[in-house]
Amino acid sequence: MFSLIKLFILQTKEFLKMTFTVNSSIVKSYALLILAEKYTIDEVPNVGNLRVTVIEILTT
């Protein structure tokens, strides 16, 4: 349970600063959801460079 809270806090901090890298946990989460066909790239929020970074992971 503690690890889920920690993950949520990390994702919230990353989301608030609006700058994401390929190592950001939220970017990895969206990439995995897209690969699992639970989300599409259009459903990824276009906030900061989030969508661009998710696309970067998926195309490498």
N, C-alpha and C. Protein backbone atom coordinates (compact mmCIF):
# COMPACT_ATOMS: atom_id res chain seq x y z
N MET A 1 0.82 -1.20 0.00
CA MET A 1 0.00 0.00 0.00
C MET A 1 0.87 1.26 0.00
N PHE A 2 1.93 1.23 0.81
CA PHE A 2 2.82 2.39 0.87
C PHE A 2 3.45 2.67 -0.48
N SER A 3 3.82 1.62 -1.22
CA SER A 3 4.45 1.83 -2.52
C SER A 3 3.49 2.48 -3.51
N LEU A 4 2.20 2.18 -3.41
CA LEU A 4 1.21 2.82 -4.29
C LEU A 4 1.09 4.31 -3.97
N ILE A 5 1.12 4.63 -2.70
CA ILE A 5 1.05 6.04 -2.29
C ILE A 5 2.29 6.78 -2.78
N LYS A 6 3.46 6.14 -2.63
CA LYS A 6 4.70 6.75 -3.09
C LYS A 6 4.67 6.97 -4.60
N LEU A 7 4.18 5.99 -5.35
CA LEU A 7 4.07 6.11 -6.81
C LEU A 7 3.13 7.26 -7.18
N PHE A 8 2.02 7.36 -6.48
CA PHE A 8 1.06 8.44 -6.75
C PHE A 8 1.70 9.80 -6.51
N ILE A 9 2.45 9.92 -5.42
CA ILE A 9 3.11 11.20 -5.11
C ILE A 9 4.13 11.54 -6.18
N LEU A 10 4.92 10.56 -6.63
CA LEU A 10 5.90 10.81 -7.69
C LEU A 10 5.23 11.25 -8.98
N GLN A 11 4.14 10.58 -9.34
CA GLN A 11 3.43 10.93 -10.56
C GLN A 11 2.82 12.33 -10.46
N THR A 12 2.31 12.66 -9.30
CA THR A 12 1.72 13.98 -9.11
C THR A 12 2.77 15.08 -9.23
N LYS A 13 3.94 14.85 -8.64
CA LYS A 13 5.02 15.83 -8.75
C LYS A 13 5.45 16.03 -10.20
N GLU A 14 5.58 14.94 -10.94
CA GLU A 14 5.98 15.02 -12.33
C GLU A 14 4.92 15.76 -13.15
N PHE A 15 3.66 15.47 -12.85
CA PHE A 15 2.56 16.09 -13.59
C PHE A 15 2.52 17.60 -13.34
N LEU A 16 2.80 18.01 -12.11
CA LEU A 16 2.75 19.43 -11.78
C LEU A 16 3.87 20.22 -12.42
N LYS A 17 5.04 19.62 -12.56
CA LYS A 17 6.14 20.38 -13.18
C LYS A 17 6.09 20.32 -14.70
N MET A 18 5.26 19.47 -15.27
CA MET A 18 4.95 19.43 -16.70
C MET A 18 6.13 19.13 -17.62
N THR A 19 7.20 18.61 -17.09
CA THR A 19 8.33 18.20 -17.92
C THR A 19 8.59 16.73 -17.65
N PHE A 20 8.47 15.93 -18.69
CA PHE A 20 8.59 14.49 -18.54
C PHE A 20 9.77 13.97 -19.35
N THR A 21 10.35 12.89 -18.86
CA THR A 21 11.42 12.21 -19.58
C THR A 21 10.98 10.77 -19.84
N VAL A 22 11.76 10.05 -20.61
CA VAL A 22 11.44 8.64 -20.86
C VAL A 22 11.54 7.81 -19.59
N ASN A 23 12.17 8.35 -18.55
CA ASN A 23 12.28 7.64 -17.28
C ASN A 23 11.20 8.02 -16.28
N SER A 24 10.32 8.94 -16.65
CA SER A 24 9.23 9.35 -15.75
C SER A 24 8.24 8.20 -15.59
N SER A 25 7.81 8.00 -14.37
CA SER A 25 6.91 6.87 -14.10
C SER A 25 5.57 7.03 -14.82
N ILE A 26 5.07 8.23 -14.94
CA ILE A 26 3.78 8.43 -15.62
C ILE A 26 3.91 8.14 -17.12
N VAL A 27 5.03 8.46 -17.70
CA VAL A 27 5.27 8.17 -19.12
C VAL A 27 5.32 6.66 -19.34
N LYS A 28 6.04 5.98 -18.47
CA LYS A 28 6.13 4.51 -18.56
C LYS A 28 4.75 3.88 -18.38
N SER A 29 3.96 4.43 -17.45
CA SER A 29 2.62 3.88 -17.19
C SER A 29 1.73 4.01 -18.42
N TYR A 30 1.72 5.19 -19.03
CA TYR A 30 0.91 5.38 -20.24
C TYR A 30 1.40 4.50 -21.38
N ALA A 31 2.69 4.35 -21.53
CA ALA A 31 3.23 3.50 -22.59
C ALA A 31 2.78 2.05 -22.39
N LEU A 32 2.82 1.58 -21.16
CA LEU A 32 2.37 0.21 -20.87
C LEU A 32 0.88 0.05 -21.13
N LEU A 33 0.09 1.04 -20.75
CA LEU A 33 -1.35 0.98 -21.00
C LEU A 33 -1.67 0.96 -22.49
N ILE A 34 -0.90 1.69 -23.27
CA ILE A 34 -1.10 1.69 -24.73
C ILE A 34 -0.70 0.34 -25.31
N LEU A 35 0.43 -0.20 -24.85
CA LEU A 35 0.87 -1.51 -25.35
C LEU A 35 -0.12 -2.61 -24.98
N ALA A 36 -0.78 -2.45 -23.83
CA ALA A 36 -1.78 -3.43 -23.39
C ALA A 36 -3.15 -3.17 -24.03
N GLU A 37 -3.22 -2.16 -24.90
CA GLU A 37 -4.42 -1.77 -25.62
C GLU A 37 -5.55 -1.35 -24.69
N LYS A 38 -5.20 -0.77 -23.54
CA LYS A 38 -6.19 -0.22 -22.61
C LYS A 38 -6.44 1.26 -22.91
N TYR A 39 -5.44 1.93 -23.49
CA TYR A 39 -5.52 3.34 -23.87
C TYR A 39 -5.03 3.47 -25.30
N THR A 40 -5.39 4.59 -25.93
CA THR A 40 -4.81 4.94 -27.22
C THR A 40 -3.98 6.20 -27.01
N ILE A 41 -3.15 6.52 -27.96
CA ILE A 41 -2.30 7.70 -27.84
C ILE A 41 -3.15 8.97 -27.74
N ASP A 42 -4.33 8.95 -28.34
CA ASP A 42 -5.22 10.12 -28.27
C ASP A 42 -5.78 10.34 -26.86
N GLU A 43 -5.78 9.31 -26.04
CA GLU A 43 -6.29 9.43 -24.68
C GLU A 43 -5.24 9.91 -23.68
N VAL A 44 -3.99 9.98 -24.11
CA VAL A 44 -2.93 10.50 -23.24
C VAL A 44 -3.08 12.02 -23.19
N PRO A 45 -3.14 12.60 -21.99
CA PRO A 45 -3.30 14.06 -21.91
C PRO A 45 -2.18 14.80 -22.64
N ASN A 46 -2.56 15.83 -23.35
CA ASN A 46 -1.57 16.64 -24.07
C ASN A 46 -1.11 17.78 -23.16
N VAL A 47 -0.40 17.39 -22.10
CA VAL A 47 0.05 18.32 -21.08
C VAL A 47 1.57 18.33 -21.10
N GLY A 48 2.13 19.53 -21.18
CA GLY A 48 3.60 19.61 -21.26
C GLY A 48 4.08 18.79 -22.45
N ASN A 49 5.07 17.96 -22.20
CA ASN A 49 5.58 17.09 -23.26
C ASN A 49 5.22 15.63 -23.01
N LEU A 50 4.14 15.39 -22.25
CA LEU A 50 3.75 14.02 -21.88
C LEU A 50 3.47 13.16 -23.10
N ARG A 51 2.58 13.61 -23.97
CA ARG A 51 2.21 12.80 -25.13
C ARG A 51 3.41 12.56 -26.05
N VAL A 52 4.20 13.59 -26.26
CA VAL A 52 5.38 13.47 -27.13
C VAL A 52 6.36 12.45 -26.56
N THR A 53 6.55 12.47 -25.26
CA THR A 53 7.49 11.54 -24.62
C THR A 53 6.97 10.11 -24.67
N VAL A 54 5.66 9.92 -24.51
CA VAL A 54 5.08 8.58 -24.62
C VAL A 54 5.28 8.05 -26.05
N ILE A 55 5.04 8.90 -27.04
CA ILE A 55 5.27 8.50 -28.43
C ILE A 55 6.73 8.14 -28.64
N GLU A 56 7.62 8.90 -28.03
CA GLU A 56 9.05 8.62 -28.15
C GLU A 56 9.39 7.22 -27.64
N ILE A 57 8.83 6.85 -26.51
CA ILE A 57 9.07 5.50 -25.96
C ILE A 57 8.51 4.44 -26.90
N LEU A 58 7.32 4.67 -27.41
CA LEU A 58 6.66 3.66 -28.24
C LEU A 58 7.32 3.47 -29.60
N THR A 59 8.05 4.46 -30.06
CA THR A 59 8.67 4.35 -31.38
C THR A 59 10.14 3.95 -31.33
N THR A 60 10.67 3.76 -30.13
CA THR A 60 12.09 3.34 -30.04
C THR A 60 12.20 1.87 -29.77
